[in-house]
Amino acid sequence: MPTGSNPSLAVLDQLTHALGGPPTDDQLRDGVARFLTQNQIVDATKIAAGTHLNMESVNQLAGEILGSHQLLPADLAALPGKLPLPTGSDIWKQSAGLIEYHLKRTPTPFEVFKIAKKISRASGIKVLEWGLPGNVDHNNIPAGFMLTLDDEVKEELAALAA
């Protein structure tokens, strides 16, 4: 943890980044509670500067807050650069949800494939069947993993909408 920081500030920063804006007070309290529990912190005043702490529970909370069909604002230009993978979801479901949310229709399997492949490539997800090397196997992506929505993903979504 950086010098001068504390769990509340770290969680606030992480949630604000993941949600694209500040969390509510209740969301922040929930995030701090999960963070403290996950990292087995009893006294937050006794965390040494530079201590590496796990933010997975905070990313998972952000995914729960965003929900699978309320991931993004309607304007493609306003898409955040990263989104946490919600519990119980996978790259295919998230890709289908993105398309359905923006196009207001059920996507074809090929459309889902195109978006899933671009998100996987941008996020460093290994999918050997698609020729994608990566650091995280697509069958073992943890909840809260930050999916990258780079310009190629946004351009493909825009192309599908055209």
C-alpha atoms as a PDB file:
ATOM      1  CA  MET A   1       0.000   0.000   0.000  1.00  0.00           C
ATOM      2  CA  PRO A   2       1.462   3.418  -0.904  1.00  0.00           C
ATOM      3  CA  THR A   3       2.718   5.650   1.884  1.00  0.00           C
ATOM      4  CA  GLY A   4      -0.028   8.029   3.002  1.00  0.00           C
ATOM      5  CA  SER A   5      -2.808   5.769   1.721  1.00  0.00           C
ATOM      6  CA  ASN A   6      -5.297   3.718   3.677  1.00  0.00           C
ATOM      7  CA  PRO A   7      -7.806   0.957   2.851  1.00  0.00           C
ATOM      8  CA  SER A   8     -10.672   3.400   2.321  1.00  0.00           C
ATOM      9  CA  LEU A   9      -8.701   5.500  -0.164  1.00  0.00           C
ATOM     10  CA  ALA A  10      -7.396   2.422  -1.982  1.00  0.00           C
ATOM     11  CA  VAL A  11     -10.905   0.940  -2.293  1.00  0.00           C
ATOM     12  CA  LEU A  12     -12.388   4.307  -3.311  1.00  0.00           C
ATOM     13  CA  ASP A  13      -9.766   4.676  -6.051  1.00  0.00           C
ATOM     14  CA  GLN A  14     -10.289   1.117  -7.332  1.00  0.00           C
ATOM     15  CA  LEU A  15     -14.106   1.354  -7.361  1.00  0.00           C
ATOM     16  CA  THR A  16     -14.083   4.809  -8.960  1.00  0.00           C
ATOM     17  CA  HIS A  17     -11.840   3.502 -11.744  1.00  0.00           C
ATOM     18  CA  ALA A  18     -13.895   0.342 -12.300  1.00  0.00           C
ATOM     19  CA  LEU A  19     -17.300   2.046 -12.139  1.00  0.00           C
ATOM     20  CA  GLY A  20     -16.337   5.111 -14.147  1.00  0.00           C
ATOM     21  CA  GLY A  21     -17.368   7.355 -11.243  1.00  0.00           C
ATOM     22  CA  PRO A  22     -17.422   7.401  -7.456  1.00  0.00           C
ATOM     23  CA  PRO A  23     -19.282   4.664  -5.580  1.00  0.00           C
ATOM     24  CA  THR A  24     -22.101   5.402  -3.153  1.00  0.00           C
ATOM     25  CA  ASP A  25     -21.288   5.471   0.566  1.00  0.00           C
ATOM     26  CA  ASP A  26     -22.867   2.018   1.000  1.00  0.00           C
ATOM     27  CA  GLN A  27     -20.853   0.608  -1.911  1.00  0.00           C
ATOM     28  CA  LEU A  28     -17.649   2.053  -0.457  1.00  0.00           C
ATOM     29  CA  ARG A  29     -18.394   0.604   2.994  1.00  0.00           C
ATOM     30  CA  ASP A  30     -19.094  -2.804   1.438  1.00  0.00           C
ATOM     31  CA  GLY A  31     -15.888  -2.603  -0.594  1.00  0.00           C
ATOM     32  CA  VAL A  32     -13.776  -1.682   2.429  1.00  0.00           C
ATOM     33  CA  ALA A  33     -15.335  -4.491   4.485  1.00  0.00           C
ATOM     34  CA  ARG A  34     -14.630  -7.053   1.753  1.00  0.00           C
ATOM     35  CA  PHE A  35     -11.100  -5.728   1.280  1.00  0.00           C
ATOM     36  CA  LEU A  36     -10.295  -5.940   5.001  1.00  0.00           C
ATOM     37  CA  THR A  37     -11.774  -9.438   5.261  1.00  0.00           C
ATOM     38  CA  GLN A  38      -9.980 -10.750   2.151  1.00  0.00           C
ATOM     39  CA  ASN A  39      -6.630  -9.396   3.323  1.00  0.00           C
ATOM     40  CA  GLN A  40      -7.234 -10.497   6.939  1.00  0.00           C
ATOM     41  CA  ILE A  41      -6.691  -6.977   8.257  1.00  0.00           C
ATOM     42  CA  VAL A  42      -7.811  -6.478  11.845  1.00  0.00           C
ATOM     43  CA  ASP A  43      -6.269  -3.046  12.451  1.00  0.00           C
ATOM     44  CA  ALA A  44      -6.068  -0.849   9.343  1.00  0.00           C
ATOM     45  CA  THR A  45      -3.670   1.531  11.123  1.00  0.00           C
ATOM     46  CA  LYS A  46      -0.999  -1.181  11.252  1.00  0.00           C
ATOM     47  CA  ILE A  47      -0.519  -1.829   7.521  1.00  0.00           C
ATOM     48  CA  ALA A  48       3.118  -1.269   6.576  1.00  0.00           C
ATOM     49  CA  ALA A  49       3.827   1.054   3.646  1.00  0.00           C
ATOM     50  CA  GLY A  50       4.606  -0.952   0.530  1.00  0.00           C
ATOM     51  CA  THR A  51       2.557  -3.973   1.643  1.00  0.00           C
ATOM     52  CA  HIS A  52       0.982  -5.697  -1.375  1.00  0.00           C
ATOM     53  CA  LEU A  53      -2.733  -6.202  -0.803  1.00  0.00           C
ATOM     54  CA  ASN A  54      -5.235  -8.156  -2.898  1.00  0.00           C
ATOM     55  CA  MET A  55      -7.996  -6.096  -4.589  1.00  0.00           C
ATOM     56  CA  GLU A  56      -9.878  -9.055  -6.115  1.00  0.00           C
ATOM     57  CA  SER A  57     -12.832  -8.714  -3.739  1.00  0.00           C
ATOM     58  CA  VAL A  58     -13.168  -5.018  -4.644  1.00  0.00           C
ATOM     59  CA  ASN A  59     -13.097  -5.821  -8.376  1.00  0.00           C
ATOM     60  CA  GLN A  60     -15.704  -8.523  -7.788  1.00  0.00           C
ATOM     61  CA  LEU A  61     -17.922  -5.992  -6.005  1.00  0.00           C
ATOM     62  CA  ALA A  62     -17.564  -3.588  -8.935  1.00  0.00           C
ATOM     63  CA  GLY A  63     -18.685  -6.363 -11.280  1.00  0.00           C
ATOM     64  CA  GLU A  64     -21.699  -7.043  -9.084  1.00  0.00           C
ATOM     65  CA  ILE A  65     -22.581  -3.345  -9.000  1.00  0.00           C
ATOM     66  CA  LEU A  66     -22.337  -3.014 -12.751  1.00  0.00           C
ATOM     67  CA  GLY A  67     -24.339  -6.183 -13.404  1.00  0.00           C
ATOM     68  CA  SER A  68     -24.148  -8.232 -16.570  1.00  0.00           C
ATOM     69  CA  HIS A  69     -26.664  -6.192 -18.611  1.00  0.00           C
ATOM     70  CA  GLN A  70     -25.926  -2.781 -17.180  1.00  0.00           C
ATOM     71  CA  LEU A  71     -22.229  -2.775 -17.857  1.00  0.00           C
ATOM     72  CA  LEU A  72     -21.904   0.320 -19.939  1.00  0.00           C
ATOM     73  CA  PRO A  73     -23.434   3.650 -20.824  1.00  0.00           C
ATOM     74  CA  ALA A  74     -25.300   3.718 -24.131  1.00  0.00           C
ATOM     75  CA  ASP A  75     -22.697   5.965 -25.770  1.00  0.00           C
ATOM     76  CA  LEU A  76     -19.834   3.863 -27.154  1.00  0.00           C
ATOM     77  CA  ALA A  77     -17.439   6.793 -26.819  1.00  0.00           C
ATOM     78  CA  ALA A  78     -17.997   6.725 -23.069  1.00  0.00           C
ATOM     79  CA  LEU A  79     -16.995   3.076 -22.667  1.00  0.00           C
ATOM     80  CA  PRO A  80     -14.472   2.672 -19.858  1.00  0.00           C
ATOM     81  CA  GLY A  81     -11.127   1.130 -20.750  1.00  0.00           C
ATOM     82  CA  LYS A  82     -11.548  -1.713 -18.276  1.00  0.00           C
ATOM     83  CA  LEU A  83     -14.446  -3.638 -16.763  1.00  0.00           C
ATOM     84  CA  PRO A  84     -14.343  -6.247 -13.997  1.00  0.00           C
ATOM     85  CA  LEU A  85     -15.627  -9.720 -14.851  1.00  0.00           C
ATOM     86  CA  PRO A  86     -18.666 -10.369 -12.614  1.00  0.00           C
ATOM     87  CA  THR A  87     -18.966 -13.538 -10.560  1.00  0.00           C
ATOM     88  CA  GLY A  88     -20.483 -16.377 -12.584  1.00  0.00           C
ATOM     89  CA  SER A  89     -19.712 -14.783 -15.930  1.00  0.00           C
ATOM     90  CA  ASP A  90     -17.164 -15.458 -18.657  1.00  0.00           C
ATOM     91  CA  ILE A  91     -15.734 -13.713 -21.693  1.00  0.00           C
ATOM     92  CA  TRP A  92     -18.470 -15.045 -23.998  1.00  0.00           C
ATOM     93  CA  LYS A  93     -21.346 -13.906 -21.734  1.00  0.00           C
ATOM     94  CA  GLN A  94     -19.754 -10.481 -21.231  1.00  0.00           C
ATOM     95  CA  SER A  95     -19.244 -10.031 -24.961  1.00  0.00           C
ATOM     96  CA  ALA A  96     -22.839 -11.031 -25.700  1.00  0.00           C
ATOM     97  CA  GLY A  97     -24.040  -8.648 -22.969  1.00  0.00           C
ATOM     98  CA  LEU A  98     -22.045  -5.742 -24.403  1.00  0.00           C
ATOM     99  CA  ILE A  99     -23.489  -6.279 -27.866  1.00  0.00           C
ATOM    100  CA  GLU A 100     -27.037  -6.805 -26.604  1.00  0.00           C
ATOM    101  CA  TYR A 101     -26.843  -3.673 -24.463  1.00  0.00           C
ATOM    102  CA  HIS A 102     -25.628  -1.484 -27.316  1.00  0.00           C
ATOM    103  CA  LEU A 103     -27.524  -2.985 -30.238  1.00  0.00           C
ATOM    104  CA  LYS A 104     -30.729  -3.688 -28.283  1.00  0.00           C
ATOM    105  CA  ARG A 105     -30.984  -7.124 -29.865  1.00  0.00           C
ATOM    106  CA  THR A 106     -29.677 -10.649 -29.407  1.00  0.00           C
ATOM    107  CA  PRO A 107     -26.292 -10.934 -31.134  1.00  0.00           C
ATOM    108  CA  THR A 108     -25.370 -13.717 -33.508  1.00  0.00           C
ATOM    109  CA  PRO A 109     -22.735 -16.223 -32.357  1.00  0.00           C
ATOM    110  CA  PHE A 110     -20.311 -14.772 -34.934  1.00  0.00           C
ATOM    111  CA  GLU A 111     -20.797 -11.247 -33.536  1.00  0.00           C
ATOM    112  CA  VAL A 112     -20.129 -12.527 -30.016  1.00  0.00           C
ATOM    113  CA  PHE A 113     -17.028 -14.352 -31.273  1.00  0.00           C
ATOM    114  CA  LYS A 114     -15.637 -11.189 -32.873  1.00  0.00           C
ATOM    115  CA  ILE A 115     -16.033  -9.125 -29.693  1.00  0.00           C
ATOM    116  CA  ALA A 116     -14.894 -11.941 -27.364  1.00  0.00           C
ATOM    117  CA  LYS A 117     -11.731 -12.458 -29.428  1.00  0.00           C
ATOM    118  CA  LYS A 118     -10.874  -8.740 -29.399  1.00  0.00           C
ATOM    119  CA  ILE A 119     -11.492  -8.444 -25.638  1.00  0.00           C
ATOM    120  CA  SER A 120      -9.453 -11.607 -25.010  1.00  0.00           C
ATOM    121  CA  ARG A 121      -6.530 -10.307 -27.076  1.00  0.00           C
ATOM    122  CA  ALA A 122      -6.610  -6.896 -25.389  1.00  0.00           C
ATOM    123  CA  SER A 123      -6.914  -8.448 -21.908  1.00  0.00           C
ATOM    124  CA  GLY A 124      -4.113 -11.000 -22.273  1.00  0.00           C
ATOM    125  CA  ILE A 125      -6.493 -13.957 -22.105  1.00  0.00           C
ATOM    126  CA  LYS A 126      -5.145 -17.183 -23.600  1.00  0.00           C
ATOM    127  CA  VAL A 127      -7.535 -18.898 -26.006  1.00  0.00           C
ATOM    128  CA  LEU A 128      -5.484 -21.399 -27.992  1.00  0.00           C
ATOM    129  CA  GLU A 129      -8.483 -22.347 -30.179  1.00  0.00           C
ATOM    130  CA  TRP A 130      -8.472 -18.745 -31.452  1.00  0.00           C
ATOM    131  CA  GLY A 131      -4.689 -18.534 -31.755  1.00  0.00           C
ATOM    132  CA  LEU A 132      -4.406 -16.140 -28.797  1.00  0.00           C
ATOM    133  CA  PRO A 133      -1.496 -16.429 -26.388  1.00  0.00           C
ATOM    134  CA  GLY A 134      -1.963 -14.834 -23.001  1.00  0.00           C
ATOM    135  CA  ASN A 135      -1.256 -14.942 -19.287  1.00  0.00           C
ATOM    136  CA  VAL A 136      -4.728 -16.031 -18.132  1.00  0.00           C
ATOM    137  CA  ASP A 137      -6.414 -19.164 -19.492  1.00  0.00           C
ATOM    138  CA  HIS A 138      -9.949 -18.485 -20.732  1.00  0.00           C
ATOM    139  CA  ASN A 139     -11.245 -21.431 -18.703  1.00  0.00           C
ATOM    140  CA  ASN A 140      -9.880 -20.017 -15.431  1.00  0.00           C
ATOM    141  CA  ILE A 141     -10.568 -16.268 -15.464  1.00  0.00           C
ATOM    142  CA  PRO A 142     -11.181 -15.177 -11.860  1.00  0.00           C
ATOM    143  CA  ALA A 143     -14.159 -13.042 -10.895  1.00  0.00           C
ATOM    144  CA  GLY A 144     -13.099  -9.431 -10.755  1.00  0.00           C
ATOM    145  CA  PHE A 145     -10.502  -9.884 -13.520  1.00  0.00           C
ATOM    146  CA  MET A 146     -10.285  -6.592 -15.390  1.00  0.00           C
ATOM    147  CA  LEU A 147     -11.318  -6.991 -19.031  1.00  0.00           C
ATOM    148  CA  THR A 148      -9.720  -4.474 -21.386  1.00  0.00           C
ATOM    149  CA  LEU A 149     -11.953  -2.619 -23.834  1.00  0.00           C
ATOM    150  CA  ASP A 150      -9.399  -1.031 -26.139  1.00  0.00           C
ATOM    151  CA  ASP A 151     -10.044   0.964 -29.308  1.00  0.00           C
ATOM    152  CA  GLU A 152     -10.316  -2.215 -31.420  1.00  0.00           C
ATOM    153  CA  VAL A 153     -13.134  -3.515 -29.197  1.00  0.00           C
ATOM    154  CA  LYS A 154     -14.945  -0.164 -29.325  1.00  0.00           C
ATOM    155  CA  GLU A 155     -14.510   0.074 -33.111  1.00  0.00           C
ATOM    156  CA  GLU A 156     -15.918  -3.431 -33.571  1.00  0.00           C
ATOM    157  CA  LEU A 157     -18.941  -2.583 -31.397  1.00  0.00           C
ATOM    158  CA  ALA A 158     -19.475   0.562 -33.461  1.00  0.00           C
ATOM    159  CA  ALA A 159     -19.203  -1.461 -36.689  1.00  0.00           C
ATOM    160  CA  LEU A 160     -21.823  -3.923 -35.457  1.00  0.00           C
ATOM    161  CA  ALA A 161     -24.133  -1.023 -34.644  1.00  0.00           C
ATOM    162  CA  ALA A 162     -23.771   0.496 -38.118  1.00  0.00           C
END
